[in-house]
Amino acid sequence: MEPLYTIIFRESGGYIVALCLENGIVGQGKNKEDALVKLKEAIECWKDACECDKSVLSGPIPINELHEFLTFGKGKEETFELKAVYA
């Protein structure tokens, strides 16, 4: 079974950005579905890299980077969506 990842979506510059909390990887698209597809592709590449090179960093996103993601460019009321996905 594929691992379950926790994803946060936010709008940025007219795009949707999906951030994975377990590894700090992001995907970007014109809508949530596109962003999620790009994120899943990035996670697959990251998993392949981890298997080939044990020096590739693996771990949850640091809280200061999560804070930056959630507050960057904040000038108006924003909503965020939290989602669990298999990748």
C-alpha atoms as a PDB file:
ATOM      1  CA  MET A   1       0.000   0.000   0.000  1.00  0.00           C
ATOM      2  CA  GLU A   2       1.195   3.503  -0.815  1.00  0.00           C
ATOM      3  CA  PRO A   3       2.091   5.801   2.109  1.00  0.00           C
ATOM      4  CA  LEU A   4      -0.443   8.400   3.238  1.00  0.00           C
ATOM      5  CA  TYR A   5       0.775  12.009   3.055  1.00  0.00           C
ATOM      6  CA  THR A   6      -0.673  15.195   4.551  1.00  0.00           C
ATOM      7  CA  ILE A   7      -1.078  18.027   2.039  1.00  0.00           C
ATOM      8  CA  ILE A   8      -1.856  21.731   2.446  1.00  0.00           C
ATOM      9  CA  PHE A   9      -3.125  23.713  -0.551  1.00  0.00           C
ATOM     10  CA  ARG A  10      -2.828  27.483  -0.921  1.00  0.00           C
ATOM     11  CA  GLU A  11      -3.138  29.998  -3.723  1.00  0.00           C
ATOM     12  CA  SER A  12      -0.023  31.862  -4.788  1.00  0.00           C
ATOM     13  CA  GLY A  13       0.361  34.137  -7.806  1.00  0.00           C
ATOM     14  CA  GLY A  14      -2.705  32.770  -9.552  1.00  0.00           C
ATOM     15  CA  TYR A  15      -1.633  29.144  -9.058  1.00  0.00           C
ATOM     16  CA  ILE A  16      -2.431  26.501  -6.468  1.00  0.00           C
ATOM     17  CA  VAL A  17       0.522  25.160  -4.494  1.00  0.00           C
ATOM     18  CA  ALA A  18       0.347  21.814  -2.678  1.00  0.00           C
ATOM     19  CA  LEU A  19       2.823  21.275   0.178  1.00  0.00           C
ATOM     20  CA  CYS A  20       3.502  17.837   1.680  1.00  0.00           C
ATOM     21  CA  LEU A  21       4.104  18.105   5.434  1.00  0.00           C
ATOM     22  CA  GLU A  22       5.964  14.809   5.698  1.00  0.00           C
ATOM     23  CA  ASN A  23       8.803  15.806   3.369  1.00  0.00           C
ATOM     24  CA  GLY A  24       8.449  19.486   2.379  1.00  0.00           C
ATOM     25  CA  ILE A  25       7.939  18.713  -1.306  1.00  0.00           C
ATOM     26  CA  VAL A  26       5.643  20.994  -3.322  1.00  0.00           C
ATOM     27  CA  GLY A  27       3.642  20.762  -6.515  1.00  0.00           C
ATOM     28  CA  GLN A  28       2.069  23.660  -8.412  1.00  0.00           C
ATOM     29  CA  GLY A  29      -0.774  23.810 -10.891  1.00  0.00           C
ATOM     30  CA  LYS A  30      -3.604  25.918 -12.256  1.00  0.00           C
ATOM     31  CA  ASN A  31      -6.027  24.076  -9.947  1.00  0.00           C
ATOM     32  CA  LYS A  32      -5.904  21.646  -7.004  1.00  0.00           C
ATOM     33  CA  GLU A  33      -6.003  18.577  -9.215  1.00  0.00           C
ATOM     34  CA  ASP A  34      -3.019  19.773 -11.299  1.00  0.00           C
ATOM     35  CA  ALA A  35      -1.076  20.712  -8.174  1.00  0.00           C
ATOM     36  CA  LEU A  36      -1.753  17.293  -6.651  1.00  0.00           C
ATOM     37  CA  VAL A  37      -0.624  15.475  -9.819  1.00  0.00           C
ATOM     38  CA  LYS A  38       2.605  17.503  -9.874  1.00  0.00           C
ATOM     39  CA  LEU A  39       3.137  16.848  -6.167  1.00  0.00           C
ATOM     40  CA  LYS A  40       2.683  13.095  -6.602  1.00  0.00           C
ATOM     41  CA  GLU A  41       5.200  13.141  -9.477  1.00  0.00           C
ATOM     42  CA  ALA A  42       7.678  15.048  -7.302  1.00  0.00           C
ATOM     43  CA  ILE A  43       7.183  12.601  -4.415  1.00  0.00           C
ATOM     44  CA  GLU A  44       7.860   9.651  -6.735  1.00  0.00           C
ATOM     45  CA  CYS A  45      11.084  11.313  -7.954  1.00  0.00           C
ATOM     46  CA  TRP A  46      12.084  12.035  -4.363  1.00  0.00           C
ATOM     47  CA  LYS A  47      11.433   8.409  -3.314  1.00  0.00           C
ATOM     48  CA  ASP A  48      13.571   7.183  -6.238  1.00  0.00           C
ATOM     49  CA  ALA A  49      16.355   9.585  -5.255  1.00  0.00           C
ATOM     50  CA  CYS A  50      16.208   8.401  -1.625  1.00  0.00           C
ATOM     51  CA  GLU A  51      16.584   4.784  -2.756  1.00  0.00           C
ATOM     52  CA  CYS A  52      19.588   5.587  -4.979  1.00  0.00           C
ATOM     53  CA  ASP A  53      21.350   8.016  -2.655  1.00  0.00           C
ATOM     54  CA  LYS A  54      21.066   7.621   1.114  1.00  0.00           C
ATOM     55  CA  SER A  55      22.357  11.180   1.633  1.00  0.00           C
ATOM     56  CA  VAL A  56      19.117  12.678   0.245  1.00  0.00           C
ATOM     57  CA  LEU A  57      17.323  14.417   3.097  1.00  0.00           C
ATOM     58  CA  SER A  58      14.139  12.823   4.341  1.00  0.00           C
ATOM     59  CA  GLY A  59      11.967  14.227   7.081  1.00  0.00           C
ATOM     60  CA  PRO A  60       9.026  16.441   7.956  1.00  0.00           C
ATOM     61  CA  ILE A  61       8.979  20.092   7.010  1.00  0.00           C
ATOM     62  CA  PRO A  62      10.435  22.309   9.765  1.00  0.00           C
ATOM     63  CA  ILE A  63       7.834  24.467  11.525  1.00  0.00           C
ATOM     64  CA  ASN A  64       9.519  27.720  10.428  1.00  0.00           C
ATOM     65  CA  GLU A  65       9.213  26.676   6.762  1.00  0.00           C
ATOM     66  CA  LEU A  66       5.558  25.726   7.284  1.00  0.00           C
ATOM     67  CA  HIS A  67       4.951  29.132   8.856  1.00  0.00           C
ATOM     68  CA  GLU A  68       6.606  30.834   5.873  1.00  0.00           C
ATOM     69  CA  PHE A  69       4.468  28.810   3.443  1.00  0.00           C
ATOM     70  CA  LEU A  70       1.274  29.757   5.267  1.00  0.00           C
ATOM     71  CA  THR A  71       2.069  33.449   5.686  1.00  0.00           C
ATOM     72  CA  PHE A  72       4.123  34.363   2.575  1.00  0.00           C
ATOM     73  CA  GLY A  73       2.476  37.227   0.697  1.00  0.00           C
ATOM     74  CA  LYS A  74      -0.430  37.277   3.105  1.00  0.00           C
ATOM     75  CA  GLY A  75      -2.259  40.508   2.558  1.00  0.00           C
ATOM     76  CA  LYS A  76      -5.845  39.369   2.710  1.00  0.00           C
ATOM     77  CA  GLU A  77      -7.902  36.739   4.432  1.00  0.00           C
ATOM     78  CA  GLU A  78      -6.841  33.346   3.109  1.00  0.00           C
ATOM     79  CA  THR A  79      -8.179  29.854   3.500  1.00  0.00           C
ATOM     80  CA  PHE A  80      -6.130  26.700   3.417  1.00  0.00           C
ATOM     81  CA  GLU A  81      -7.201  23.170   2.708  1.00  0.00           C
ATOM     82  CA  LEU A  82      -5.661  20.204   4.507  1.00  0.00           C
ATOM     83  CA  LYS A  83      -5.930  16.852   2.766  1.00  0.00           C
ATOM     84  CA  ALA A  84      -4.566  13.318   3.181  1.00  0.00           C
ATOM     85  CA  VAL A  85      -3.525  11.529  -0.007  1.00  0.00           C
ATOM     86  CA  TYR A  86      -1.798   8.317  -0.994  1.00  0.00           C
ATOM     87  CA  ALA A  87       1.249   8.795  -3.223  1.00  0.00           C
END
